[in-house]
């Protein structure tokens, strides 16, 4: 019998002075503190702050999908 899941999506913004990947990981780590059953993410926007003509920090907007219920 196939298993059916229902999901909810939330939007987050992660930031990092190191890299875009680090910004994603920072957002997911914070989200994991309060959201269970995270299954996937989608990057919807990438931007950054410029300081003295260089990248000051990266900002990444994510949509995170998580399963509703305990399974």
PDB file of N, CA and C in Angstrom:
ATOM      1  N   UNK A   1       0.852  -1.178   0.000  1.00  0.00           N
ATOM      2  CA  UNK A   1       0.000   0.000   0.000  1.00  0.00           C
ATOM      3  C   UNK A   1       0.896   1.240   0.000  1.00  0.00           C
ATOM      4  N   UNK A   2       0.676   2.188  -0.923  1.00  0.00           N
ATOM      5  CA  UNK A   2       1.516   3.386  -0.968  1.00  0.00           C
ATOM      6  C   UNK A   2       1.273   4.285   0.236  1.00  0.00           C
ATOM      7  N   UNK A   3       2.335   4.968   0.645  1.00  0.00           N
ATOM      8  CA  UNK A   3       2.245   5.912   1.752  1.00  0.00           C
ATOM      9  C   UNK A   3       2.016   7.308   1.183  1.00  0.00           C
ATOM     10  N   UNK A   4       1.093   8.022   1.762  1.00  0.00           N
ATOM     11  CA  UNK A   4       0.792   9.385   1.313  1.00  0.00           C
ATOM     12  C   UNK A   4       1.182  10.360   2.417  1.00  0.00           C
ATOM     13  N   UNK A   5       1.782  11.444   2.031  1.00  0.00           N
ATOM     14  CA  UNK A   5       2.200  12.462   2.986  1.00  0.00           C
ATOM     15  C   UNK A   5       1.588  13.795   2.604  1.00  0.00           C
ATOM     16  N   UNK A   6       1.380  14.619   3.593  1.00  0.00           N
ATOM     17  CA  UNK A   6       1.013  16.011   3.367  1.00  0.00           C
ATOM     18  C   UNK A   6       2.174  16.855   3.852  1.00  0.00           C
ATOM     19  N   UNK A   7       2.427  17.946   3.149  1.00  0.00           N
ATOM     20  CA  UNK A   7       3.566  18.796   3.452  1.00  0.00           C
ATOM     21  C   UNK A   7       3.122  20.235   3.680  1.00  0.00           C
ATOM     22  N   UNK A   8       3.947  20.955   4.393  1.00  0.00           N
ATOM     23  CA  UNK A   8       3.774  22.392   4.554  1.00  0.00           C
ATOM     24  C   UNK A   8       5.088  23.033   4.150  1.00  0.00           C
ATOM     25  N   UNK A   9       5.029  24.238   3.573  1.00  0.00           N
ATOM     26  CA  UNK A   9       6.228  24.975   3.195  1.00  0.00           C
ATOM     27  C   UNK A   9       6.322  26.248   4.020  1.00  0.00           C
ATOM     28  N   UNK A  10       7.548  26.550   4.438  1.00  0.00           N
ATOM     29  CA  UNK A  10       7.806  27.819   5.100  1.00  0.00           C
ATOM     30  C   UNK A  10       8.968  28.493   4.378  1.00  0.00           C
ATOM     31  N   UNK A  11       9.060  29.790   4.538  1.00  0.00           N
ATOM     32  CA  UNK A  11      10.125  30.545   3.892  1.00  0.00           C
ATOM     33  C   UNK A  11      11.107  31.051   4.937  1.00  0.00           C
ATOM     34  N   UNK A  12      12.394  30.913   4.650  1.00  0.00           N
ATOM     35  CA  UNK A  12      13.461  31.335   5.551  1.00  0.00           C
ATOM     36  C   UNK A  12      14.469  32.163   4.782  1.00  0.00           C
ATOM     37  N   UNK A  13      15.243  32.958   5.496  1.00  0.00           N
ATOM     38  CA  UNK A  13      16.391  33.648   4.907  1.00  0.00           C
ATOM     39  C   UNK A  13      17.596  33.323   5.774  1.00  0.00           C
ATOM     40  N   UNK A  14      18.611  32.742   5.145  1.00  0.00           N
ATOM     41  CA  UNK A  14      19.864  32.455   5.833  1.00  0.00           C
ATOM     42  C   UNK A  14      20.934  33.409   5.364  1.00  0.00           C
ATOM     43  N   UNK A  15      21.915  33.674   6.215  1.00  0.00           N
ATOM     44  CA  UNK A  15      22.999  34.568   5.810  1.00  0.00           C
ATOM     45  C   UNK A  15      24.333  34.000   6.276  1.00  0.00           C
ATOM     46  N   UNK A  16      25.387  34.439   5.590  1.00  0.00           N
ATOM     47  CA  UNK A  16      26.732  33.998   5.925  1.00  0.00           C
ATOM     48  C   UNK A  16      27.738  34.949   5.298  1.00  0.00           C
ATOM     49  N   UNK A  17      28.828  35.178   5.986  1.00  0.00           N
ATOM     50  CA  UNK A  17      29.940  35.955   5.422  1.00  0.00           C
ATOM     51  C   UNK A  17      30.860  35.055   4.605  1.00  0.00           C
ATOM     52  N   UNK A  18      30.640  33.741   4.661  1.00  0.00           N
ATOM     53  CA  UNK A  18      31.543  32.776   4.038  1.00  0.00           C
ATOM     54  C   UNK A  18      31.116  32.394   2.622  1.00  0.00           C
ATOM     55  N   UNK A  19      29.858  31.916   2.464  1.00  0.00           N
ATOM     56  CA  UNK A  19      29.426  31.420   1.151  1.00  0.00           C
ATOM     57  C   UNK A  19      27.909  31.273   1.098  1.00  0.00           C
ATOM     58  N   UNK A  20      27.413  31.064  -0.109  1.00  0.00           N
ATOM     59  CA  UNK A  20      25.987  30.797  -0.299  1.00  0.00           C
ATOM     60  C   UNK A  20      25.625  29.471   0.356  1.00  0.00           C
ATOM     61  N   UNK A  21      26.471  28.457   0.175  1.00  0.00           N
ATOM     62  CA  UNK A  21      26.216  27.150   0.789  1.00  0.00           C
ATOM     63  C   UNK A  21      26.148  27.256   2.310  1.00  0.00           C
ATOM     64  N   UNK A  22      27.019  28.044   2.890  1.00  0.00           N
ATOM     65  CA  UNK A  22      27.006  28.244   4.336  1.00  0.00           C
ATOM     66  C   UNK A  22      25.724  28.955   4.779  1.00  0.00           C
ATOM     67  N   UNK A  23      25.245  29.901   3.979  1.00  0.00           N
ATOM     68  CA  UNK A  23      23.993  30.592   4.293  1.00  0.00           C
ATOM     69  C   UNK A  23      22.821  29.609   4.298  1.00  0.00           C
ATOM     70  N   UNK A  24      22.814  28.684   3.339  1.00  0.00           N
ATOM     71  CA  UNK A  24      21.772  27.652   3.294  1.00  0.00           C
ATOM     72  C   UNK A  24      21.858  26.779   4.542  1.00  0.00           C
ATOM     73  N   UNK A  25      23.051  26.313   4.851  1.00  0.00           N
ATOM     74  CA  UNK A  25      23.228  25.445   6.027  1.00  0.00           C
ATOM     75  C   UNK A  25      22.862  26.151   7.323  1.00  0.00           C
ATOM     76  N   UNK A  26      23.159  27.438   7.443  1.00  0.00           N
ATOM     77  CA  UNK A  26      22.792  28.199   8.633  1.00  0.00           C
ATOM     78  C   UNK A  26      21.277  28.269   8.785  1.00  0.00           C
ATOM     79  N   UNK A  27      20.572  28.536   7.680  1.00  0.00           N
ATOM     80  CA  UNK A  27      19.107  28.609   7.732  1.00  0.00           C
ATOM     81  C   UNK A  27      18.510  27.262   8.120  1.00  0.00           C
ATOM     82  N   UNK A  28      19.008  26.183   7.526  1.00  0.00           N
ATOM     83  CA  UNK A  28      18.473  24.859   7.830  1.00  0.00           C
ATOM     84  C   UNK A  28      18.761  24.448   9.270  1.00  0.00           C
ATOM     85  N   UNK A  29      19.939  24.788   9.780  1.00  0.00           N
ATOM     86  CA  UNK A  29      20.285  24.446  11.165  1.00  0.00           C
ATOM     87  C   UNK A  29      19.360  25.160  12.147  1.00  0.00           C
ATOM     88  N   UNK A  30      19.076  26.428  11.899  1.00  0.00           N
ATOM     89  CA  UNK A  30      18.155  27.162  12.784  1.00  0.00           C
ATOM     90  C   UNK A  30      16.748  26.600  12.689  1.00  0.00           C
ATOM     91  N   UNK A  31      16.318  26.294  11.472  1.00  0.00           N
ATOM     92  CA  UNK A  31      14.973  25.750  11.268  1.00  0.00           C
ATOM     93  C   UNK A  31      14.812  24.415  11.989  1.00  0.00           C
ATOM     94  N   UNK A  32      15.845  23.584  11.937  1.00  0.00           N
ATOM     95  CA  UNK A  32      15.789  22.251  12.550  1.00  0.00           C
ATOM     96  C   UNK A  32      15.598  22.309  14.065  1.00  0.00           C
ATOM     97  N   UNK A  33      15.894  23.462  14.672  1.00  0.00           N
ATOM     98  CA  UNK A  33      15.703  23.606  16.117  1.00  0.00           C
ATOM     99  C   UNK A  33      14.224  23.597  16.508  1.00  0.00           C
ATOM    100  N   UNK A  34      13.343  23.973  15.574  1.00  0.00           N
ATOM    101  CA  UNK A  34      11.925  24.057  15.926  1.00  0.00           C
ATOM    102  C   UNK A  34      10.991  23.334  14.955  1.00  0.00           C
ATOM    103  N   UNK A  35      11.495  22.857  13.827  1.00  0.00           N
ATOM    104  CA  UNK A  35      10.647  22.193  12.836  1.00  0.00           C
ATOM    105  C   UNK A  35      11.107  20.749  12.673  1.00  0.00           C
ATOM    106  N   UNK A  36      10.166  19.820  12.816  1.00  0.00           N
ATOM    107  CA  UNK A  36      10.480  18.399  12.625  1.00  0.00           C
ATOM    108  C   UNK A  36      10.130  17.972  11.206  1.00  0.00           C
ATOM    109  N   UNK A  37      10.652  16.854  10.802  1.00  0.00           N
ATOM    110  CA  UNK A  37      10.304  16.204   9.532  1.00  0.00           C
ATOM    111  C   UNK A  37      10.629  17.040   8.291  1.00  0.00           C
ATOM    112  N   UNK A  38      11.705  17.826   8.346  1.00  0.00           N
ATOM    113  CA  UNK A  38      12.109  18.586   7.156  1.00  0.00           C
ATOM    114  C   UNK A  38      12.539  17.588   6.082  1.00  0.00           C
ATOM    115  N   UNK A  39      12.047  17.773   4.858  1.00  0.00           N
ATOM    116  CA  UNK A  39      12.356  16.830   3.784  1.00  0.00           C
ATOM    117  C   UNK A  39      13.092  17.459   2.608  1.00  0.00           C
ATOM    118  N   UNK A  40      12.846  18.703   2.292  1.00  0.00           N
ATOM    119  CA  UNK A  40      13.451  19.298   1.104  1.00  0.00           C
ATOM    120  C   UNK A  40      13.519  20.813   1.242  1.00  0.00           C
ATOM    121  N   UNK A  41      14.349  21.411   0.406  1.00  0.00           N
ATOM    122  CA  UNK A  41      14.395  22.874   0.333  1.00  0.00           C
ATOM    123  C   UNK A  41      14.569  23.295  -1.106  1.00  0.00           C
ATOM    124  N   UNK A  42      14.205  24.539  -1.354  1.00  0.00           N
ATOM    125  CA  UNK A  42      14.314  25.130  -2.688  1.00  0.00           C
ATOM    126  C   UNK A  42      14.843  26.548  -2.504  1.00  0.00           C
ATOM    127  N   UNK A  43      15.905  26.893  -3.203  1.00  0.00           N
ATOM    128  CA  UNK A  43      16.445  28.250  -3.151  1.00  0.00           C
ATOM    129  C   UNK A  43      15.616  29.113  -4.094  1.00  0.00           C
ATOM    130  N   UNK A  44      15.014  30.160  -3.558  1.00  0.00           N
ATOM    131  CA  UNK A  44      14.153  31.015  -4.381  1.00  0.00           C
ATOM    132  C   UNK A  44      14.793  32.360  -4.702  1.00  0.00           C
ATOM    133  N   UNK A  45      15.789  32.754  -3.919  1.00  0.00           N
ATOM    134  CA  UNK A  45      16.421  34.056  -4.145  1.00  0.00           C
ATOM    135  C   UNK A  45      17.822  34.047  -3.537  1.00  0.00           C
ATOM    136  N   UNK A  46      18.743  34.659  -4.231  1.00  0.00           N
ATOM    137  CA  UNK A  46      20.107  34.814  -3.722  1.00  0.00           C
ATOM    138  C   UNK A  46      20.481  36.271  -3.856  1.00  0.00           C
ATOM    139  N   UNK A  47      21.013  36.840  -2.794  1.00  0.00           N
ATOM    140  CA  UNK A  47      21.449  38.236  -2.832  1.00  0.00           C
ATOM    141  C   UNK A  47      22.576  38.405  -1.819  1.00  0.00           C
ATOM    142  N   UNK A  48      23.139  39.573  -1.782  1.00  0.00           N
ATOM    143  CA  UNK A  48      24.213  39.803  -0.829  1.00  0.00           C
ATOM    144  C   UNK A  48      24.389  41.266  -0.521  1.00  0.00           C
ATOM    145  N   UNK A  49      25.223  41.504   0.441  1.00  0.00           N
ATOM    146  CA  UNK A  49      25.558  42.860   0.890  1.00  0.00           C
ATOM    147  C   UNK A  49      26.970  43.168   0.423  1.00  0.00           C
ATOM    148  N   UNK A  50      27.163  44.361  -0.079  1.00  0.00           N
ATOM    149  CA  UNK A  50      28.483  44.776  -0.558  1.00  0.00           C
ATOM    150  C   UNK A  50      29.110  45.698   0.478  1.00  0.00           C
ATOM    151  N   UNK A  51      30.358  45.408   0.832  1.00  0.00           N
ATOM    152  CA  UNK A  51      31.107  46.237   1.775  1.00  0.00           C
ATOM    153  C   UNK A  51      32.483  46.510   1.184  1.00  0.00           C
ATOM    154  N   UNK A  52      32.784  47.770   0.984  1.00  0.00           N
ATOM    155  CA  UNK A  52      34.080  48.169   0.425  1.00  0.00           C
ATOM    156  C   UNK A  52      34.380  47.495  -0.915  1.00  0.00           C
ATOM    157  N   UNK A  53      33.346  47.397  -1.749  1.00  0.00           N
ATOM    158  CA  UNK A  53      33.526  46.833  -3.079  1.00  0.00           C
ATOM    159  C   UNK A  53      33.651  45.319  -3.131  1.00  0.00           C
ATOM    160  N   UNK A  54      33.423  44.641  -2.011  1.00  0.00           N
ATOM    161  CA  UNK A  54      33.510  43.179  -1.951  1.00  0.00           C
ATOM    162  C   UNK A  54      32.255  42.622  -1.293  1.00  0.00           C
ATOM    163  N   UNK A  55      32.104  41.311  -1.376  1.00  0.00           N
ATOM    164  CA  UNK A  55      30.964  40.665  -0.724  1.00  0.00           C
ATOM    165  C   UNK A  55      31.120  40.785   0.787  1.00  0.00           C
ATOM    166  N   UNK A  56      30.154  41.437   1.418  1.00  0.00           N
ATOM    167  CA  UNK A  56      30.147  41.537   2.880  1.00  0.00           C
ATOM    168  C   UNK A  56      29.504  40.311   3.501  1.00  0.00           C
ATOM    169  N   UNK A  57      28.366  39.906   2.938  1.00  0.00           N
ATOM    170  CA  UNK A  57      27.728  38.654   3.333  1.00  0.00           C
ATOM    171  C   UNK A  57      26.709  38.258   2.278  1.00  0.00           C
ATOM    172  N   UNK A  58      26.404  36.972   2.274  1.00  0.00           N
ATOM    173  CA  UNK A  58      25.436  36.397   1.354  1.00  0.00           C
ATOM    174  C   UNK A  58      24.117  36.207   2.080  1.00  0.00           C
ATOM    175  N   UNK A  59      23.019  36.377   1.356  1.00  0.00           N
ATOM    176  CA  UNK A  59      21.685  36.089   1.882  1.00  0.00           C
ATOM    177  C   UNK A  59      20.986  35.164   0.887  1.00  0.00           C
ATOM    178  N   UNK A  60      20.390  34.103   1.384  1.00  0.00           N
ATOM    179  CA  UNK A  60      19.696  33.138   0.543  1.00  0.00           C
ATOM    180  C   UNK A  60      18.298  32.917   1.102  1.00  0.00           C
ATOM    181  N   UNK A  61      17.290  33.085   0.254  1.00  0.00           N
ATOM    182  CA  UNK A  61      15.914  32.805   0.651  1.00  0.00           C
ATOM    183  C   UNK A  61      15.589  31.375   0.240  1.00  0.00           C
ATOM    184  N   UNK A  62      15.047  30.618   1.191  1.00  0.00           N
ATOM    185  CA  UNK A  62      14.714  29.214   0.966  1.00  0.00           C
ATOM    186  C   UNK A  62      13.249  28.968   1.266  1.00  0.00           C
ATOM    187  N   UNK A  63      12.669  28.024   0.553  1.00  0.00           N
ATOM    188  CA  UNK A  63      11.402  27.434   0.958  1.00  0.00           C
ATOM    189  C   UNK A  63      11.763  26.042   1.455  1.00  0.00           C
ATOM    190  N   UNK A  64      11.310  25.708   2.648  1.00  0.00           N
ATOM    191  CA  UNK A  64      11.584  24.410   3.253  1.00  0.00           C
ATOM    192  C   UNK A  64      10.273  23.648   3.375  1.00  0.00           C
ATOM    193  N   UNK A  65      10.281  22.418   2.880  1.00  0.00           N
ATOM    194  CA  UNK A  65       9.105  21.566   2.979  1.00  0.00           C
ATOM    195  C   UNK A  65       9.275  20.562   4.095  1.00  0.00           C
ATOM    196  N   UNK A  66       8.235  20.385   4.871  1.00  0.00           N
ATOM    197  CA  UNK A  66       8.291  19.389   5.941  1.00  0.00           C
ATOM    198  C   UNK A  66       6.965  18.630   5.991  1.00  0.00           C
ATOM    199  N   UNK A  67       7.076  17.352   6.370  1.00  0.00           N
ATOM    200  CA  UNK A  67       5.900  16.480   6.453  1.00  0.00           C
ATOM    201  C   UNK A  67       5.074  16.833   7.669  1.00  0.00           C
ATOM    202  N   UNK A  68       3.782  16.868   7.469  1.00  0.00           N
ATOM    203  CA  UNK A  68       2.871  17.061   8.586  1.00  0.00           C
ATOM    204  C   UNK A  68       2.606  15.720   9.249  1.00  0.00           C
ATOM    205  N   UNK A  69       2.418  15.705  10.528  1.00  0.00           N
ATOM    206  CA  UNK A  69       2.184  14.469  11.269  1.00  0.00           C
ATOM    207  C   UNK A  69       3.478  13.882  11.766  1.00  0.00           C
ATOM    208  N   UNK A  70       3.395  12.717  12.380  1.00  0.00           N
ATOM    209  CA  UNK A  70       4.552  12.092  13.005  1.00  0.00           C
ATOM    210  C   UNK A  70       5.334  11.183  12.072  1.00  0.00           C
ATOM    211  N   UNK A  71       4.760  10.750  10.980  1.00  0.00           N
ATOM    212  CA  UNK A  71       5.461   9.790  10.115  1.00  0.00           C
ATOM    213  C   UNK A  71       6.292  10.460   9.056  1.00  0.00           C
TER     214      UNK A  71
END
